[in-house]
């Protein structure tokens, strides 16, 4: 506050060794005319502030206007850091600034929401479901079941990535997906299936294709869905596979090892049954489908999960893009 009051007309610096008391400090004013003024700053309890000795400088924080006026009449110097008020009366120095404005801190810009985060990804999932549709922002947010602000953040970033086309028509913003492939490729840069908590189980499987229907009775009423090659084999079979991956809705990762009969399904690093707690806790269930009376994730989620899967995953994901996911592009 002293620097704000004096500007460049005086130099202010600390002087001397720290006092023994933690509430005392020394400040030196070097005035343009060569004079040197030493100030001792001391924290005073409120009960002593009105009776501070002359020559003191009170540092206050939003004191009542009545108290500030009383200090002025008593010719007591003070700095109110909360109100931006300065009144100093010292030898060879008189400062009285009642309307000193505190510099405003620049508002920190709010970071845009990650377009591929769990809830935010509902916007992209909705766009992929209707690749040729032209959306207004509010209806896109409504269909995706997210706030208009979230939809706006996501669309703005997808537009910068050239994944969507955005046009203004009067006061409306029109949004259209440019390419499903472009969106999936961008998304895959931010997502890997290994983000899912998982446990591999040894199970009496035999033929994995025949094993799949048995999962319904084993999992009971739990929410679950097939993914990876096992899921893709039901909608667009392409690659040979021997492991079954599925998502299960559990509260915590440690629950994964206990959702089956412990006598038949034993945790094992080489287990062919891989149960996963979804990293996308909400959106992974978006677009859930049923094939042969078995639940599996959306084709989009299948492609994302397979993209970085080491056993012919990219090959299967590309096959899904060609056969099951629209590849329409905006002009």
Protein backbone atom coordinates (compact mmCIF):
# COMPACT_ATOMS: atom_id res chain seq x y z
CA UNK A 1 0.00 0.00 0.00
CA UNK A 2 2.91 2.38 0.67
CA UNK A 3 4.28 1.69 -2.78
CA UNK A 4 0.84 2.33 -4.29
CA UNK A 5 0.52 5.61 -2.39
CA UNK A 6 3.99 6.98 -3.14
CA UNK A 7 4.44 5.58 -6.64
CA UNK A 8 7.91 6.25 -8.02
CA UNK A 9 8.49 9.27 -5.80
CA UNK A 10 10.10 7.31 -3.01
CA UNK A 11 12.02 4.11 -2.46
CA UNK A 12 10.76 1.68 0.17
CA UNK A 13 12.93 -1.03 1.65
CA UNK A 14 13.29 -3.23 4.72
CA UNK A 15 15.91 -2.20 7.22
CA UNK A 16 17.72 -3.79 10.13
CA UNK A 17 17.47 -7.28 11.61
CA UNK A 18 14.09 -8.85 12.32
CA UNK A 19 12.72 -7.94 15.71
CA UNK A 20 12.40 -10.56 18.39
CA UNK A 21 8.65 -10.23 18.29
CA UNK A 22 7.02 -11.79 15.22
CA UNK A 23 4.52 -8.90 14.98
CA UNK A 24 7.13 -6.13 14.49
CA UNK A 25 8.90 -5.08 11.28
CA UNK A 26 10.98 -2.09 10.15
CA UNK A 27 10.51 -0.16 6.90
CA UNK A 28 12.63 2.71 5.50
CA UNK A 29 11.31 5.47 3.20
CA UNK A 30 13.92 7.17 1.01
CA UNK A 31 12.33 10.45 -0.18
CA UNK A 32 13.31 12.32 -3.38
CA UNK A 33 14.81 15.19 -1.35
CA UNK A 34 17.29 12.80 0.23
CA UNK A 35 15.50 12.43 3.58
CA UNK A 36 15.34 9.03 5.17
CA UNK A 37 12.38 8.05 7.36
CA UNK A 38 12.35 4.88 9.44
CA UNK A 39 9.02 3.26 10.32
CA UNK A 40 8.42 0.54 12.85
CA UNK A 41 5.40 -1.58 11.94
CA UNK A 42 3.74 -3.42 14.78
CA UNK A 43 0.57 -5.49 14.86
CA UNK A 44 -1.75 -3.99 17.47
CA UNK A 45 -4.88 -5.61 18.89
CA UNK A 46 -8.11 -3.78 18.08
CA UNK A 47 -8.36 -2.54 21.65
CA UNK A 48 -5.14 -0.51 21.26
CA UNK A 49 -5.61 0.80 17.73
CA UNK A 50 -7.58 3.96 18.60
CA UNK A 51 -4.97 4.92 21.21
CA UNK A 52 -1.85 4.25 19.18
CA UNK A 53 1.00 6.69 19.92
CA UNK A 54 1.70 9.53 17.48
CA UNK A 55 4.28 8.59 14.89
CA UNK A 56 2.69 5.15 14.48
CA UNK A 57 1.17 3.87 11.25
CA UNK A 58 -1.84 1.63 11.70
CA UNK A 59 -2.41 -1.06 9.08
CA UNK A 60 -6.11 -1.91 9.02
CA UNK A 61 -8.39 -4.16 7.02
CA UNK A 62 -11.85 -2.74 6.27
CA UNK A 63 -12.17 -0.64 9.40
CA UNK A 64 -15.46 1.16 9.96
CA UNK A 65 -15.65 4.62 8.31
CA UNK A 66 -16.30 6.16 11.73
CA UNK A 67 -13.01 4.76 13.04
CA UNK A 68 -11.06 6.04 10.03
CA UNK A 69 -12.50 9.54 10.50
CA UNK A 70 -11.63 9.46 14.22
CA UNK A 71 -8.04 8.50 13.37
CA UNK A 72 -7.84 11.40 10.91
CA UNK A 73 -9.10 13.91 13.46
CA UNK A 74 -6.52 12.56 15.92
CA UNK A 75 -3.85 12.93 13.22
CA UNK A 76 -2.98 9.24 13.44
CA UNK A 77 -1.49 7.67 10.31
CA UNK A 78 -3.07 4.54 8.88
CA UNK A 79 -3.31 2.32 5.82
CA UNK A 80 -6.54 0.40 5.30
CA UNK A 81 -5.59 -2.41 2.90
CA UNK A 82 -9.17 -3.63 2.51
CA UNK A 83 -10.75 -0.28 1.61
CA UNK A 84 -7.81 1.18 -0.28
CA UNK A 85 -7.56 4.19 2.05
CA UNK A 86 -4.21 5.79 3.02
CA UNK A 87 -3.61 8.62 5.47
CA UNK A 88 0.00 9.24 6.54
CA UNK A 89 1.21 12.27 8.48
CA UNK A 90 4.92 12.03 9.16
CA UNK A 91 7.79 14.56 9.37
CA UNK A 92 8.18 16.13 5.90
CA UNK A 93 5.50 13.84 4.50
CA UNK A 94 1.69 14.15 4.29
CA UNK A 95 -0.36 11.64 2.29
CA UNK A 96 -4.13 11.45 2.43
CA UNK A 97 -5.71 9.34 -0.26
CA UNK A 98 -9.24 8.34 0.56
CA UNK A 99 -10.12 6.83 -2.81
CA UNK A 100 -7.10 4.73 -3.62
CA UNK A 101 -8.25 1.90 -5.87
CA UNK A 102 -6.62 -1.44 -5.38
CA UNK A 103 -5.30 -3.01 -8.60
CA UNK A 104 -7.60 -5.73 -9.83
CA UNK A 105 -6.16 -9.14 -10.32
CA UNK A 106 -6.67 -10.46 -13.81
CA UNK A 107 -9.43 -13.02 -13.72
CA UNK A 108 -8.02 -16.46 -14.26
CA UNK A 109 -9.40 -17.89 -17.45
CA UNK A 110 -11.43 -21.00 -16.78
CA UNK A 111 -9.89 -23.98 -18.57
CA UNK A 112 -12.10 -25.59 -21.16
CA UNK A 113 -13.64 -28.89 -20.20
CA UNK A 114 -11.82 -31.94 -21.58
CA UNK A 115 -14.04 -32.96 -24.53
CA UNK A 116 -13.20 -36.62 -23.98
CA UNK A 117 -13.82 -36.75 -20.23
CA UNK A 118 -16.58 -38.99 -18.92
CA UNK A 119 -19.62 -36.68 -18.87
CA UNK A 120 -18.31 -34.37 -21.58
CA UNK A 121 -17.89 -37.30 -23.98
CA UNK A 122 -21.68 -37.68 -24.07
CA UNK A 123 -21.66 -34.80 -26.56
CA UNK A 124 -19.39 -36.68 -28.96
CA UNK A 125 -21.30 -39.90 -28.45
CA UNK A 126 -24.52 -38.12 -29.38
CA UNK A 127 -22.92 -36.61 -32.49
CA UNK A 128 -21.73 -40.05 -33.63
CA UNK A 129 -25.21 -41.51 -33.19
CA UNK A 130 -26.55 -38.94 -35.69
CA UNK A 131 -23.61 -38.20 -38.01
CA UNK A 132 -25.57 -36.30 -40.64
CA UNK A 133 -27.70 -34.20 -38.34
CA UNK A 134 -27.34 -30.44 -37.94
CA UNK A 135 -27.72 -29.43 -34.30
CA UNK A 136 -28.40 -26.28 -32.38
CA UNK A 137 -26.36 -26.06 -29.20
CA UNK A 138 -29.27 -26.32 -26.77
CA UNK A 139 -30.82 -29.36 -28.44
CA UNK A 140 -27.43 -31.08 -28.61
CA UNK A 141 -26.94 -30.45 -24.88
CA UNK A 142 -30.46 -31.71 -24.18
CA UNK A 143 -30.04 -34.93 -26.17
CA UNK A 144 -26.62 -35.55 -24.61
CA UNK A 145 -28.07 -34.81 -21.14
CA UNK A 146 -25.35 -32.33 -20.25
CA UNK A 147 -25.44 -28.62 -19.44
CA UNK A 148 -25.35 -26.06 -22.25
CA UNK A 149 -22.01 -24.82 -20.86
CA UNK A 150 -20.48 -28.31 -21.07
CA UNK A 151 -21.77 -28.74 -24.62
CA UNK A 152 -20.38 -25.32 -25.57
CA UNK A 153 -16.92 -26.18 -24.18
CA UNK A 154 -16.84 -29.49 -26.02
CA UNK A 155 -18.08 -28.08 -29.33
CA UNK A 156 -15.55 -25.24 -29.19
CA UNK A 157 -12.66 -27.68 -28.83
CA UNK A 158 -13.99 -30.13 -31.42
CA UNK A 159 -14.28 -27.18 -33.80
CA UNK A 160 -10.63 -26.26 -33.15
CA UNK A 161 -9.72 -29.90 -33.85
CA UNK A 162 -11.70 -29.75 -37.12
CA UNK A 163 -13.89 -32.64 -35.96
CA UNK A 164 -17.11 -30.61 -36.23
CA UNK A 165 -18.32 -27.83 -38.49
CA UNK A 166 -19.79 -24.80 -36.72
CA UNK A 167 -21.79 -22.09 -38.47
CA UNK A 168 -23.65 -19.06 -37.17
CA UNK A 169 -27.13 -18.40 -38.47
CA UNK A 170 -28.47 -15.24 -36.87
CA UNK A 171 -28.21 -15.80 -33.14
CA UNK A 172 -28.11 -19.58 -33.52
CA UNK A 173 -25.06 -21.82 -33.69
CA UNK A 174 -25.39 -24.78 -36.04
CA UNK A 175 -23.19 -27.82 -35.39
CA UNK A 176 -22.47 -30.81 -37.59
CA UNK A 177 -20.04 -33.68 -37.23
CA UNK A 178 -17.46 -33.60 -40.01
CA UNK A 179 -16.20 -37.19 -39.81
CA UNK A 180 -16.69 -40.08 -37.43
CA UNK A 181 -13.21 -41.37 -38.29
CA UNK A 182 -11.57 -38.02 -37.49
CA UNK A 183 -13.36 -37.88 -34.16
CA UNK A 184 -12.40 -41.46 -33.24
CA UNK A 185 -8.75 -40.87 -34.18
CA UNK A 186 -8.63 -37.71 -32.05
CA UNK A 187 -10.41 -39.44 -29.19
CA UNK A 188 -8.05 -42.42 -29.29
CA UNK A 189 -5.15 -40.04 -28.62
CA UNK A 190 -6.70 -39.32 -25.20
CA UNK A 191 -7.99 -42.77 -24.29
CA UNK A 192 -6.67 -46.29 -23.84
CA UNK A 193 -8.55 -49.32 -22.61
CA UNK A 194 -5.83 -49.88 -19.97
CA UNK A 195 -7.28 -46.93 -18.03
CA UNK A 196 -9.98 -49.32 -16.85
CA UNK A 197 -9.35 -51.08 -13.53
CA UNK A 198 -9.38 -54.80 -14.31
CA UNK A 199 -8.86 -58.31 -12.99
CA UNK A 200 -8.06 -61.40 -15.09
CA UNK A 201 -9.80 -64.57 -13.95
CA UNK A 202 -9.20 -68.18 -14.75
CA UNK A 203 -12.59 -69.58 -15.77
CA UNK A 204 -13.85 -72.94 -17.13
CA UNK A 205 -14.32 -71.40 -20.57
CA UNK A 206 -13.63 -73.84 -23.37
CA UNK A 207 -14.99 -72.28 -26.56
CA UNK A 208 -15.25 -68.55 -25.71
CA UNK A 209 -18.18 -68.04 -28.10
CA UNK A 210 -20.22 -70.69 -26.30
CA UNK A 211 -19.09 -69.34 -22.95
CA UNK A 212 -20.70 -65.92 -23.45
CA UNK A 213 -24.34 -66.93 -22.73
CA UNK A 214 -23.26 -68.41 -19.39
CA UNK A 215 -22.30 -64.94 -18.17
CA UNK A 216 -25.97 -63.93 -17.87
CA UNK A 217 -26.69 -66.43 -15.11
CA UNK A 218 -23.33 -65.84 -13.40
CA UNK A 219 -23.72 -62.07 -13.18
CA UNK A 220 -27.37 -62.06 -12.16
CA UNK A 221 -28.89 -58.57 -11.98
CA UNK A 222 -25.62 -56.65 -12.12
CA UNK A 223 -25.19 -54.12 -14.90
CA UNK A 224 -22.57 -55.40 -17.32
CA UNK A 225 -21.62 -55.28 -20.98
CA UNK A 226 -19.22 -57.04 -23.31
CA UNK A 227 -16.45 -55.14 -25.07
CA UNK A 228 -13.22 -55.74 -27.01
CA UNK A 229 -13.07 -58.69 -29.42
CA UNK A 230 -15.82 -60.61 -27.65
CA UNK A 231 -18.22 -57.70 -28.10
CA UNK A 232 -17.12 -56.96 -31.66
CA UNK A 233 -17.65 -60.62 -32.61
CA UNK A 234 -21.38 -60.11 -32.08
CA UNK A 235 -21.75 -57.11 -34.42
CA UNK A 236 -18.84 -57.22 -36.89
CA UNK A 237 -16.79 -60.44 -36.55
CA UNK A 238 -13.37 -60.08 -38.10
CA UNK A 239 -10.41 -61.18 -35.95
CA UNK A 240 -9.79 -64.44 -34.13
CA UNK A 241 -10.03 -64.04 -30.35
CA UNK A 242 -9.78 -66.14 -27.20
CA UNK A 243 -10.27 -63.66 -24.32
CA UNK A 244 -13.54 -62.25 -23.00
CA UNK A 245 -13.54 -58.66 -21.77
CA UNK A 246 -16.54 -57.15 -20.05
CA UNK A 247 -17.44 -54.11 -18.00
CA UNK A 248 -19.19 -54.59 -14.67
CA UNK A 249 -20.79 -51.84 -12.65
CA UNK A 250 -19.06 -52.11 -9.25
CA UNK A 251 -18.34 -49.59 -6.53
CA UNK A 252 -14.59 -50.17 -6.32
CA UNK A 253 -11.94 -52.15 -8.20
CA UNK A 254 -11.46 -54.65 -5.37
CA UNK A 255 -15.03 -55.86 -5.96
CA UNK A 256 -14.09 -57.25 -9.37
CA UNK A 257 -12.46 -60.39 -7.97
CA UNK A 258 -15.59 -61.30 -6.00
CA UNK A 259 -18.45 -60.99 -8.46
CA UNK A 260 -18.26 -64.66 -9.53
CA UNK A 261 -18.24 -67.94 -7.65
CA UNK A 262 -14.78 -68.05 -6.10
CA UNK A 263 -14.56 -71.83 -6.59
CA UNK A 264 -14.78 -71.55 -10.39
CA UNK A 265 -13.39 -68.10 -11.20
CA UNK A 266 -9.94 -67.59 -9.69
CA UNK A 267 -7.75 -64.48 -10.25
CA UNK A 268 -4.86 -65.38 -12.53
CA UNK A 269 -2.44 -63.29 -14.62
CA UNK A 270 -3.13 -65.59 -17.57
CA UNK A 271 -6.90 -65.70 -17.06
CA UNK A 272 -9.01 -65.52 -20.22
CA UNK A 273 -11.91 -63.73 -18.54
CA UNK A 274 -11.10 -60.05 -17.91
CA UNK A 275 -13.62 -58.09 -15.84
CA UNK A 276 -13.25 -54.32 -15.75
CA UNK A 277 -14.55 -51.36 -13.78
CA UNK A 278 -15.15 -48.75 -16.49
CA UNK A 279 -12.98 -45.65 -16.47
CA UNK A 280 -15.97 -43.93 -18.09
CA UNK A 281 -18.21 -44.59 -15.11
CA UNK A 282 -21.30 -42.95 -16.71
CA UNK A 283 -20.83 -42.65 -20.44
CA UNK A 284 -19.61 -46.20 -21.08
CA UNK A 285 -23.24 -47.30 -20.70
CA UNK A 286 -24.45 -44.77 -23.28
CA UNK A 287 -25.80 -46.51 -26.38
CA UNK A 288 -25.79 -49.93 -24.72
CA UNK A 289 -27.04 -52.57 -27.20
CA UNK A 290 -28.23 -56.16 -27.01
CA UNK A 291 -27.21 -58.80 -29.53
CA UNK A 292 -28.23 -62.44 -29.12
CA UNK A 293 -29.71 -61.37 -25.79
CA UNK A 294 -26.26 -60.32 -24.57
CA UNK A 295 -25.46 -56.73 -23.54
CA UNK A 296 -22.54 -54.99 -25.21
CA UNK A 297 -21.26 -51.44 -25.35
CA UNK A 298 -21.91 -49.12 -28.30
CA UNK A 299 -19.97 -49.60 -31.52
CA UNK A 300 -18.17 -46.34 -30.78
CA UNK A 301 -17.00 -47.61 -27.39
CA UNK A 302 -15.94 -50.89 -29.00
CA UNK A 303 -13.78 -48.98 -31.48
CA UNK A 304 -12.21 -46.88 -28.74
CA UNK A 305 -11.45 -49.91 -26.56
CA UNK A 306 -9.98 -51.87 -29.46
CA UNK A 307 -7.90 -49.03 -30.92
CA UNK A 308 -4.84 -49.71 -28.73
CA UNK A 309 -5.55 -53.37 -27.92
CA UNK A 310 -2.47 -55.40 -28.75
CA UNK A 311 -4.17 -58.48 -30.23
CA UNK A 312 -5.42 -57.27 -33.62
CA UNK A 313 -7.36 -54.51 -31.90
CA UNK A 314 -6.65 -51.73 -34.39
CA UNK A 315 -7.55 -54.05 -37.26
CA UNK A 316 -10.90 -54.85 -35.65
CA UNK A 317 -11.54 -51.18 -34.81
CA UNK A 318 -10.92 -50.21 -38.45
CA UNK A 319 -13.36 -52.92 -39.55
CA UNK A 320 -15.99 -51.47 -37.18
CA UNK A 321 -15.43 -48.00 -38.62
CA UNK A 322 -15.94 -49.25 -42.15
CA UNK A 323 -18.94 -51.46 -41.53
CA UNK A 324 -20.84 -50.22 -38.47
CA UNK A 325 -19.92 -46.57 -37.91
CA UNK A 326 -20.94 -43.99 -40.44
CA UNK A 327 -18.02 -42.21 -42.12
CA UNK A 328 -20.02 -39.27 -43.48
CA UNK A 329 -18.13 -36.02 -43.86
CA UNK A 330 -19.22 -32.42 -44.07
CA UNK A 331 -18.31 -30.56 -47.26
